[in-house]
Amino acid sequence: SSPMILDRNGVTRFNNDASTDTMDATITALNEATAAESGVFGDLWSSTMVSSLSHNKLLYDTLADTTTETTFPNSGLGSQLEMTAKMIASRETRGVDADVFYISTGGWDTHSDVLANLNRLFADVDDSFKAFADEMKIKGTWDNVAVVQTSDFARTLAPNTGRGSDHAWGANSMLFGGGVKGGQILGTYPDDLTDDGPRSLGRGRMIPTTSWDAVFLPLAEWSGATEGDLDNVCPNRDNFPAEHFFDAADVFEMN
């Protein structure tokens, strides 16, 4: 199915303030009509329009009737995870057997007062993901859910003059879910974090040792991707030796 963009409240109902009660039906009828002289581009536009209206109504009505059993934090992250939980709960109504959700949260560009900022940010991360995990367990879907946390860049290990940290390279990713073999650290941890270390670029900017492909390959295998799918999921995997990648069975409980 096509990607959908949701906000913290779900989706906005199409034409919510229609001028007549039959406006939606009229729009659909106009776009369903096909004549001998109809052009291929016009037909494509109209079919896409009708399909989008149908999906919008289905999703709006479905989410309006979907509730959670857990109280989520009233934060941007908490609201996004609550909507994700509602989408997972609505999967049968939406006619899907698997979903991929992308959420984001900001405030991590801690060039000043890094300790105070991290204490505040991590408290929200902890509370939000605990609520999400609790909800998935209540709904019986936790074992079928995996969450991977990533960032587009890291922070320096050495502070700046504002009690903060600056942009860097190598960082960590977190992976958790009911099927994840947790409590372990995968990858190669630097044995020398000083500026003289072989992977250091100065001020604690570390050259990464683990590729994105190594993180997402076992995730793809766990979610059901076949060997023939993996070149599309991880197009750069041929740039690394086989031993670079994590075995899915070391990361997930493979059934």
C-alpha atoms as a PDB file:
ATOM      1  CA  SER A   1       0.000   0.000   0.000  1.00  0.00           C
ATOM      2  CA  SER A   2       1.018   3.631  -0.393  1.00  0.00           C
ATOM      3  CA  PRO A   3       2.779   5.482   2.438  1.00  0.00           C
ATOM      4  CA  MET A   4       0.562   7.572   4.705  1.00  0.00           C
ATOM      5  CA  ILE A   5       1.502  10.629   6.742  1.00  0.00           C
ATOM      6  CA  LEU A   6      -0.183  10.897  10.147  1.00  0.00           C
ATOM      7  CA  ASP A   7       0.085  13.547  12.815  1.00  0.00           C
ATOM      8  CA  ARG A   8      -0.270  12.954  16.542  1.00  0.00           C
ATOM      9  CA  ASN A   9      -4.068  12.999  16.134  1.00  0.00           C
ATOM     10  CA  GLY A  10      -4.194  10.629  13.166  1.00  0.00           C
ATOM     11  CA  VAL A  11      -5.551  11.910   9.870  1.00  0.00           C
ATOM     12  CA  THR A  12      -7.672  14.909   9.005  1.00  0.00           C
ATOM     13  CA  ARG A  13     -11.055  14.036   7.578  1.00  0.00           C
ATOM     14  CA  PHE A  14     -11.260  15.024   3.912  1.00  0.00           C
ATOM     15  CA  ASN A  15     -13.637  17.912   3.161  1.00  0.00           C
ATOM     16  CA  ASN A  16     -14.644  18.170   6.802  1.00  0.00           C
ATOM     17  CA  ASP A  17     -16.637  21.380   6.198  1.00  0.00           C
ATOM     18  CA  ALA A  18     -18.413  20.371   2.985  1.00  0.00           C
ATOM     19  CA  SER A  19     -20.880  22.871   1.488  1.00  0.00           C
ATOM     20  CA  THR A  20     -23.475  20.126   0.895  1.00  0.00           C
ATOM     21  CA  ASP A  21     -24.155  16.713   2.408  1.00  0.00           C
ATOM     22  CA  THR A  22     -23.586  15.059  -0.965  1.00  0.00           C
ATOM     23  CA  MET A  23     -20.263  16.751  -1.762  1.00  0.00           C
ATOM     24  CA  ASP A  24     -18.093  13.654  -1.179  1.00  0.00           C
ATOM     25  CA  ALA A  25     -20.408  11.478  -3.280  1.00  0.00           C
ATOM     26  CA  THR A  26     -20.379  14.097  -6.054  1.00  0.00           C
ATOM     27  CA  ILE A  27     -16.562  14.253  -6.096  1.00  0.00           C
ATOM     28  CA  THR A  28     -16.378  10.459  -6.248  1.00  0.00           C
ATOM     29  CA  ALA A  29     -18.961  10.248  -9.035  1.00  0.00           C
ATOM     30  CA  LEU A  30     -17.173  12.853 -11.136  1.00  0.00           C
ATOM     31  CA  ASN A  31     -13.863  11.019 -10.830  1.00  0.00           C
ATOM     32  CA  GLU A  32     -15.324   7.576 -11.442  1.00  0.00           C
ATOM     33  CA  ALA A  33     -16.880   8.608 -14.740  1.00  0.00           C
ATOM     34  CA  THR A  34     -14.966   7.422 -17.821  1.00  0.00           C
ATOM     35  CA  ALA A  35     -15.666   8.326 -21.427  1.00  0.00           C
ATOM     36  CA  ALA A  36     -14.199   7.109 -24.710  1.00  0.00           C
ATOM     37  CA  GLU A  37     -12.171  10.304 -25.021  1.00  0.00           C
ATOM     38  CA  SER A  38     -10.808  10.155 -21.465  1.00  0.00           C
ATOM     39  CA  GLY A  39      -7.038  10.453 -21.409  1.00  0.00           C
ATOM     40  CA  VAL A  40      -4.769   7.980 -19.641  1.00  0.00           C
ATOM     41  CA  PHE A  41      -3.383  10.684 -17.370  1.00  0.00           C
ATOM     42  CA  GLY A  42      -6.861  11.880 -16.436  1.00  0.00           C
ATOM     43  CA  ASP A  43      -7.921   8.311 -15.678  1.00  0.00           C
ATOM     44  CA  LEU A  44      -4.847   7.773 -13.512  1.00  0.00           C
ATOM     45  CA  TRP A  45      -5.435  11.010 -11.614  1.00  0.00           C
ATOM     46  CA  SER A  46      -9.084  10.190 -11.033  1.00  0.00           C
ATOM     47  CA  SER A  47      -8.446   6.612  -9.905  1.00  0.00           C
ATOM     48  CA  THR A  48      -5.774   7.836  -7.510  1.00  0.00           C
ATOM     49  CA  MET A  49      -8.157  10.474  -6.186  1.00  0.00           C
ATOM     50  CA  VAL A  50     -10.964   7.978  -5.569  1.00  0.00           C
ATOM     51  CA  SER A  51      -8.573   5.524  -3.918  1.00  0.00           C
ATOM     52  CA  SER A  52      -7.149   8.252  -1.676  1.00  0.00           C
ATOM     53  CA  LEU A  53     -10.610   9.375  -0.583  1.00  0.00           C
ATOM     54  CA  SER A  54     -11.545   5.797   0.249  1.00  0.00           C
ATOM     55  CA  HIS A  55      -8.354   5.231   2.263  1.00  0.00           C
ATOM     56  CA  ASN A  56      -8.808   8.536   4.085  1.00  0.00           C
ATOM     57  CA  LYS A  57     -12.349   7.656   5.150  1.00  0.00           C
ATOM     58  CA  LEU A  58     -11.376   4.142   6.229  1.00  0.00           C
ATOM     59  CA  LEU A  59      -8.438   5.369   8.296  1.00  0.00           C
ATOM     60  CA  TYR A  60     -10.337   8.296   9.806  1.00  0.00           C
ATOM     61  CA  ASP A  61     -13.285   6.109  10.839  1.00  0.00           C
ATOM     62  CA  THR A  62     -11.016   3.317  12.088  1.00  0.00           C
ATOM     63  CA  LEU A  63      -8.821   5.523  14.269  1.00  0.00           C
ATOM     64  CA  ALA A  64     -11.856   7.368  15.637  1.00  0.00           C
ATOM     65  CA  ASP A  65     -13.049   4.064  17.116  1.00  0.00           C
ATOM     66  CA  THR A  66      -9.615   2.848  18.280  1.00  0.00           C
ATOM     67  CA  THR A  67      -8.442   3.413  21.841  1.00  0.00           C
ATOM     68  CA  THR A  68      -5.448   2.429  23.948  1.00  0.00           C
ATOM     69  CA  GLU A  69      -5.447   0.779  27.354  1.00  0.00           C
ATOM     70  CA  THR A  70      -2.301   2.596  28.488  1.00  0.00           C
ATOM     71  CA  THR A  71      -1.826   6.260  29.385  1.00  0.00           C
ATOM     72  CA  PHE A  72       0.915   7.706  27.171  1.00  0.00           C
ATOM     73  CA  PRO A  73       2.993  10.796  28.039  1.00  0.00           C
ATOM     74  CA  ASN A  74       1.585  14.029  26.610  1.00  0.00           C
ATOM     75  CA  SER A  75       4.759  14.694  24.632  1.00  0.00           C
ATOM     76  CA  GLY A  76       5.574  14.649  20.957  1.00  0.00           C
ATOM     77  CA  LEU A  77       7.214  11.230  21.240  1.00  0.00           C
ATOM     78  CA  GLY A  78       4.500   9.836  23.488  1.00  0.00           C
ATOM     79  CA  SER A  79       1.748  11.005  21.131  1.00  0.00           C
ATOM     80  CA  GLN A  80       3.478   9.514  18.094  1.00  0.00           C
ATOM     81  CA  LEU A  81       3.882   6.169  19.845  1.00  0.00           C
ATOM     82  CA  GLU A  82       0.257   6.217  20.964  1.00  0.00           C
ATOM     83  CA  MET A  83      -0.835   6.760  17.347  1.00  0.00           C
ATOM     84  CA  THR A  84       1.511   3.956  16.265  1.00  0.00           C
ATOM     85  CA  ALA A  85      -0.137   1.676  18.832  1.00  0.00           C
ATOM     86  CA  LYS A  86      -3.563   2.586  17.448  1.00  0.00           C
ATOM     87  CA  MET A  87      -2.415   1.849  13.906  1.00  0.00           C
ATOM     88  CA  ILE A  88      -1.105  -1.553  14.970  1.00  0.00           C
ATOM     89  CA  ALA A  89      -4.408  -2.284  16.708  1.00  0.00           C
ATOM     90  CA  SER A  90      -6.288  -1.394  13.497  1.00  0.00           C
ATOM     91  CA  ARG A  91      -4.253  -3.648  11.208  1.00  0.00           C
ATOM     92  CA  GLU A  92      -7.059  -6.160  10.564  1.00  0.00           C
ATOM     93  CA  THR A  93      -9.562  -3.422   9.722  1.00  0.00           C
ATOM     94  CA  ARG A  94      -7.005  -1.863   7.389  1.00  0.00           C
ATOM     95  CA  GLY A  95      -6.337  -5.245   5.786  1.00  0.00           C
ATOM     96  CA  VAL A  96      -2.568  -5.419   6.421  1.00  0.00           C
ATOM     97  CA  ASP A  97      -0.394  -8.073   8.040  1.00  0.00           C
ATOM     98  CA  ALA A  98       2.727  -5.916   8.502  1.00  0.00           C
ATOM     99  CA  ASP A  99       3.539  -2.229   8.875  1.00  0.00           C
ATOM    100  CA  VAL A 100       6.587   0.005   9.013  1.00  0.00           C
ATOM    101  CA  PHE A 101       6.291   3.210  11.051  1.00  0.00           C
ATOM    102  CA  TYR A 102       8.703   6.126  11.199  1.00  0.00           C
ATOM    103  CA  ILE A 103       8.595   8.562  14.104  1.00  0.00           C
ATOM    104  CA  SER A 104      11.056  11.227  15.206  1.00  0.00           C
ATOM    105  CA  THR A 105      11.847  13.386  18.189  1.00  0.00           C
ATOM    106  CA  GLY A 106      14.174  16.359  18.427  1.00  0.00           C
ATOM    107  CA  GLY A 107      16.085  18.387  20.975  1.00  0.00           C
ATOM    108  CA  TRP A 108      19.247  16.287  20.878  1.00  0.00           C
ATOM    109  CA  ASP A 109      21.531  18.953  19.376  1.00  0.00           C
ATOM    110  CA  THR A 110      22.991  19.592  22.799  1.00  0.00           C
ATOM    111  CA  HIS A 111      25.715  22.164  22.178  1.00  0.00           C
ATOM    112  CA  SER A 112      25.181  23.473  25.718  1.00  0.00           C
ATOM    113  CA  ASP A 113      24.191  22.010  29.103  1.00  0.00           C
ATOM    114  CA  VAL A 114      24.254  18.466  27.766  1.00  0.00           C
ATOM    115  CA  LEU A 115      23.719  16.762  31.138  1.00  0.00           C
ATOM    116  CA  ALA A 116      20.540  18.645  32.037  1.00  0.00           C
ATOM    117  CA  ASN A 117      19.158  18.252  28.523  1.00  0.00           C
ATOM    118  CA  LEU A 118      19.877  14.529  28.367  1.00  0.00           C
ATOM    119  CA  ASN A 119      18.250  13.914  31.751  1.00  0.00           C
ATOM    120  CA  ARG A 120      15.078  15.605  30.475  1.00  0.00           C
ATOM    121  CA  LEU A 121      15.116  13.935  27.048  1.00  0.00           C
ATOM    122  CA  PHE A 122      15.889  10.431  28.298  1.00  0.00           C
ATOM    123  CA  ALA A 123      13.095  10.691  30.874  1.00  0.00           C
ATOM    124  CA  ASP A 124      10.610  11.251  28.040  1.00  0.00           C
ATOM    125  CA  VAL A 125      12.139   8.433  25.951  1.00  0.00           C
ATOM    126  CA  ASP A 126      11.931   6.061  28.910  1.00  0.00           C
ATOM    127  CA  ASP A 127       8.325   6.929  29.808  1.00  0.00           C
ATOM    128  CA  SER A 128       7.127   6.945  26.187  1.00  0.00           C
ATOM    129  CA  PHE A 129       8.637   3.621  25.178  1.00  0.00           C
ATOM    130  CA  LYS A 130       7.547   1.973  28.441  1.00  0.00           C
ATOM    131  CA  ALA A 131       3.966   3.022  27.681  1.00  0.00           C
ATOM    132  CA  PHE A 132       4.304   1.683  24.133  1.00  0.00           C
ATOM    133  CA  ALA A 133       5.736  -1.648  25.308  1.00  0.00           C
ATOM    134  CA  ASP A 134       3.036  -1.977  27.973  1.00  0.00           C
ATOM    135  CA  GLU A 135       0.327  -1.337  25.372  1.00  0.00           C
ATOM    136  CA  MET A 136       1.781  -3.883  22.961  1.00  0.00           C
ATOM    137  CA  LYS A 137       1.914  -6.487  25.732  1.00  0.00           C
ATOM    138  CA  ILE A 138      -1.704  -5.795  26.700  1.00  0.00           C
ATOM    139  CA  LYS A 139      -2.776  -6.184  23.056  1.00  0.00           C
ATOM    140  CA  GLY A 140      -0.683  -9.357  22.635  1.00  0.00           C
ATOM    141  CA  THR A 141       1.481  -7.946  19.831  1.00  0.00           C
ATOM    142  CA  TRP A 142       4.780  -7.262  21.622  1.00  0.00           C
ATOM    143  CA  ASP A 143       6.505 -10.374  20.267  1.00  0.00           C
ATOM    144  CA  ASN A 144       5.752  -9.192  16.717  1.00  0.00           C
ATOM    145  CA  VAL A 145       7.086  -5.662  17.165  1.00  0.00           C
ATOM    146  CA  ALA A 146      10.669  -4.419  16.790  1.00  0.00           C
ATOM    147  CA  VAL A 147      11.775  -0.832  17.387  1.00  0.00           C
ATOM    148  CA  VAL A 148      15.094   0.447  16.095  1.00  0.00           C
ATOM    149  CA  GLN A 149      16.462   3.830  17.187  1.00  0.00           C
ATOM    150  CA  THR A 150      18.913   5.662  14.948  1.00  0.00           C
ATOM    151  CA  SER A 151      20.340   9.152  14.568  1.00  0.00           C
ATOM    152  CA  ASP A 152      21.783  10.969  11.573  1.00  0.00           C
ATOM    153  CA  PHE A 153      24.941  11.879  13.508  1.00  0.00           C
ATOM    154  CA  ALA A 154      26.529  11.482  16.917  1.00  0.00           C
ATOM    155  CA  ARG A 155      28.085  13.728  19.570  1.00  0.00           C
ATOM    156  CA  THR A 156      31.668  14.372  20.604  1.00  0.00           C
ATOM    157  CA  LEU A 157      32.850  12.497  23.674  1.00  0.00           C
ATOM    158  CA  ALA A 158      34.848  15.554  24.792  1.00  0.00           C
ATOM    159  CA  PRO A 159      32.781  18.579  25.941  1.00  0.00           C
ATOM    160  CA  ASN A 160      32.868  22.089  24.548  1.00  0.00           C
ATOM    161  CA  THR A 161      33.168  25.306  26.566  1.00  0.00           C
ATOM    162  CA  GLY A 162      29.380  25.493  27.055  1.00  0.00           C
ATOM    163  CA  ARG A 163      29.125  22.222  28.999  1.00  0.00           C
ATOM    164  CA  GLY A 164      27.761  20.679  25.812  1.00  0.00           C
ATOM    165  CA  SER A 165      28.827  18.394  22.992  1.00  0.00           C
ATOM    166  CA  ASP A 166      29.258  18.961  19.275  1.00  0.00           C
ATOM    167  CA  HIS A 167      28.603  16.999  16.084  1.00  0.00           C
ATOM    168  CA  ALA A 168      30.439  13.714  15.609  1.00  0.00           C
ATOM    169  CA  TRP A 169      30.398  10.453  13.628  1.00  0.00           C
ATOM    170  CA  GLY A 170      30.207   7.029  15.261  1.00  0.00           C
ATOM    171  CA  ALA A 171      27.286   6.451  17.632  1.00  0.00           C
ATOM    172  CA  ASN A 172      24.998   3.724  18.922  1.00  0.00           C
ATOM    173  CA  SER A 173      21.679   2.284  17.821  1.00  0.00           C
ATOM    174  CA  MET A 174      19.151   0.655  20.121  1.00  0.00           C
ATOM    175  CA  LEU A 175      16.957  -2.273  19.112  1.00  0.00           C
ATOM    176  CA  PHE A 176      14.197  -3.652  21.302  1.00  0.00           C
ATOM    177  CA  GLY A 177      10.986  -5.626  21.076  1.00  0.00           C
ATOM    178  CA  GLY A 178       9.382  -8.840  22.258  1.00  0.00           C
ATOM    179  CA  GLY A 179      11.365 -10.932  19.786  1.00  0.00           C
ATOM    180  CA  VAL A 180      14.719  -9.227  20.367  1.00  0.00           C
ATOM    181  CA  LYS A 181      17.465 -11.033  22.266  1.00  0.00           C
ATOM    182  CA  GLY A 182      18.202  -8.097  24.526  1.00  0.00           C
ATOM    183  CA  GLY A 183      20.831  -7.476  27.148  1.00  0.00           C
ATOM    184  CA  GLN A 184      23.742  -7.569  24.730  1.00  0.00           C
ATOM    185  CA  ILE A 185      25.972  -5.184  22.795  1.00  0.00           C
ATOM    186  CA  LEU A 186      26.767  -6.104  19.201  1.00  0.00           C
ATOM    187  CA  GLY A 187      29.518  -4.619  17.103  1.00  0.00           C
ATOM    188  CA  THR A 188      33.091  -3.618  17.927  1.00  0.00           C
ATOM    189  CA  TYR A 189      33.606  -1.249  20.852  1.00  0.00           C
ATOM    190  CA  PRO A 190      36.741   0.953  20.478  1.00  0.00           C
ATOM    191  CA  ASP A 191      39.545  -0.176  22.745  1.00  0.00           C
ATOM    192  CA  ASP A 192      41.058   3.333  22.823  1.00  0.00           C
ATOM    193  CA  LEU A 193      38.759   6.373  23.179  1.00  0.00           C
ATOM    194  CA  THR A 194      41.587   8.904  23.426  1.00  0.00           C
ATOM    195  CA  ASP A 195      42.564  11.250  20.606  1.00  0.00           C
ATOM    196  CA  ASP A 196      45.480   8.907  19.898  1.00  0.00           C
ATOM    197  CA  GLY A 197      43.180   5.959  19.237  1.00  0.00           C
ATOM    198  CA  PRO A 198      43.169   4.526  15.689  1.00  0.00           C
ATOM    199  CA  ARG A 199      39.484   5.331  15.169  1.00  0.00           C
ATOM    200  CA  SER A 200      39.549   8.816  16.674  1.00  0.00           C
ATOM    201  CA  LEU A 201      39.337  12.023  14.635  1.00  0.00           C
ATOM    202  CA  GLY A 202      39.871  14.204  17.690  1.00  0.00           C
ATOM    203  CA  ARG A 203      37.653  15.394  20.546  1.00  0.00           C
ATOM    204  CA  GLY A 204      36.025  11.997  20.693  1.00  0.00           C
ATOM    205  CA  ARG A 205      34.790  11.908  17.122  1.00  0.00           C
ATOM    206  CA  MET A 206      34.951   8.184  16.395  1.00  0.00           C
ATOM    207  CA  ILE A 207      34.943   6.552  12.954  1.00  0.00           C
ATOM    208  CA  PRO A 208      32.019   4.062  12.807  1.00  0.00           C
ATOM    209  CA  THR A 209      32.718   0.336  12.549  1.00  0.00           C
ATOM    210  CA  THR A 210      29.149  -0.860  11.907  1.00  0.00           C
ATOM    211  CA  SER A 211      27.200  -0.009   8.748  1.00  0.00           C
ATOM    212  CA  TRP A 212      23.490   0.769   8.491  1.00  0.00           C
ATOM    213  CA  ASP A 213      23.194  -2.427   6.467  1.00  0.00           C
ATOM    214  CA  ALA A 214      24.520  -4.495   9.365  1.00  0.00           C
ATOM    215  CA  VAL A 215      21.781  -3.073  11.597  1.00  0.00           C
ATOM    216  CA  PHE A 216      18.892  -3.446   9.181  1.00  0.00           C
ATOM    217  CA  LEU A 217      19.788  -6.763   7.530  1.00  0.00           C
ATOM    218  CA  PRO A 218      18.815  -8.970  10.515  1.00  0.00           C
ATOM    219  CA  LEU A 219      15.744  -6.795  11.069  1.00  0.00           C
ATOM    220  CA  ALA A 220      14.673  -7.441   7.475  1.00  0.00           C
ATOM    221  CA  GLU A 221      15.275 -11.177   7.818  1.00  0.00           C
ATOM    222  CA  TRP A 222      13.282 -11.325  11.057  1.00  0.00           C
ATOM    223  CA  SER A 223      10.379  -9.476   9.425  1.00  0.00           C
ATOM    224  CA  GLY A 224      10.200 -12.025   6.612  1.00  0.00           C
ATOM    225  CA  ALA A 225      12.408 -10.672   3.816  1.00  0.00           C
ATOM    226  CA  THR A 226      13.840 -13.386   1.603  1.00  0.00           C
ATOM    227  CA  GLU A 227      17.387 -13.586   0.264  1.00  0.00           C
ATOM    228  CA  GLY A 228      16.133 -12.166  -3.009  1.00  0.00           C
ATOM    229  CA  ASP A 229      14.761  -9.099  -1.194  1.00  0.00           C
ATOM    230  CA  LEU A 230      17.898  -8.209   0.726  1.00  0.00           C
ATOM    231  CA  ASP A 231      19.733  -6.429  -2.098  1.00  0.00           C
ATOM    232  CA  ASN A 232      16.847  -3.973  -2.265  1.00  0.00           C
ATOM    233  CA  VAL A 233      16.598  -3.596   1.512  1.00  0.00           C
ATOM    234  CA  CYS A 234      20.372  -3.201   1.988  1.00  0.00           C
ATOM    235  CA  PRO A 235      21.755  -2.085  -1.393  1.00  0.00           C
ATOM    236  CA  ASN A 236      25.267  -1.484  -0.036  1.00  0.00           C
ATOM    237  CA  ARG A 237      25.759  -4.869   1.579  1.00  0.00           C
ATOM    238  CA  ASP A 238      28.132  -6.054  -1.158  1.00  0.00           C
ATOM    239  CA  ASN A 239      30.566  -3.371   0.007  1.00  0.00           C
ATOM    240  CA  PHE A 240      31.222  -5.343   3.200  1.00  0.00           C
ATOM    241  CA  PRO A 241      32.533  -8.855   3.889  1.00  0.00           C
ATOM    242  CA  ALA A 242      30.041 -11.471   5.070  1.00  0.00           C
ATOM    243  CA  GLU A 243      31.480 -11.489   8.596  1.00  0.00           C
ATOM    244  CA  HIS A 244      30.577  -7.789   8.948  1.00  0.00           C
ATOM    245  CA  PHE A 245      26.895  -8.632   9.352  1.00  0.00           C
ATOM    246  CA  PHE A 246      25.030  -9.896  12.398  1.00  0.00           C
ATOM    247  CA  ASP A 247      23.294 -13.235  12.165  1.00  0.00           C
ATOM    248  CA  ALA A 248      19.559 -12.704  12.574  1.00  0.00           C
ATOM    249  CA  ALA A 249      19.432 -15.628  15.019  1.00  0.00           C
ATOM    250  CA  ASP A 250      21.891 -13.759  17.277  1.00  0.00           C
ATOM    251  CA  VAL A 251      19.647 -10.687  17.331  1.00  0.00           C
ATOM    252  CA  PHE A 252      16.115 -12.113  17.272  1.00  0.00           C
ATOM    253  CA  GLU A 253      14.176 -15.112  18.474  1.00  0.00           C
ATOM    254  CA  MET A 254      13.650 -16.725  15.084  1.00  0.00           C
ATOM    255  CA  ASN A 255      10.552 -18.917  14.911  1.00  0.00           C
END
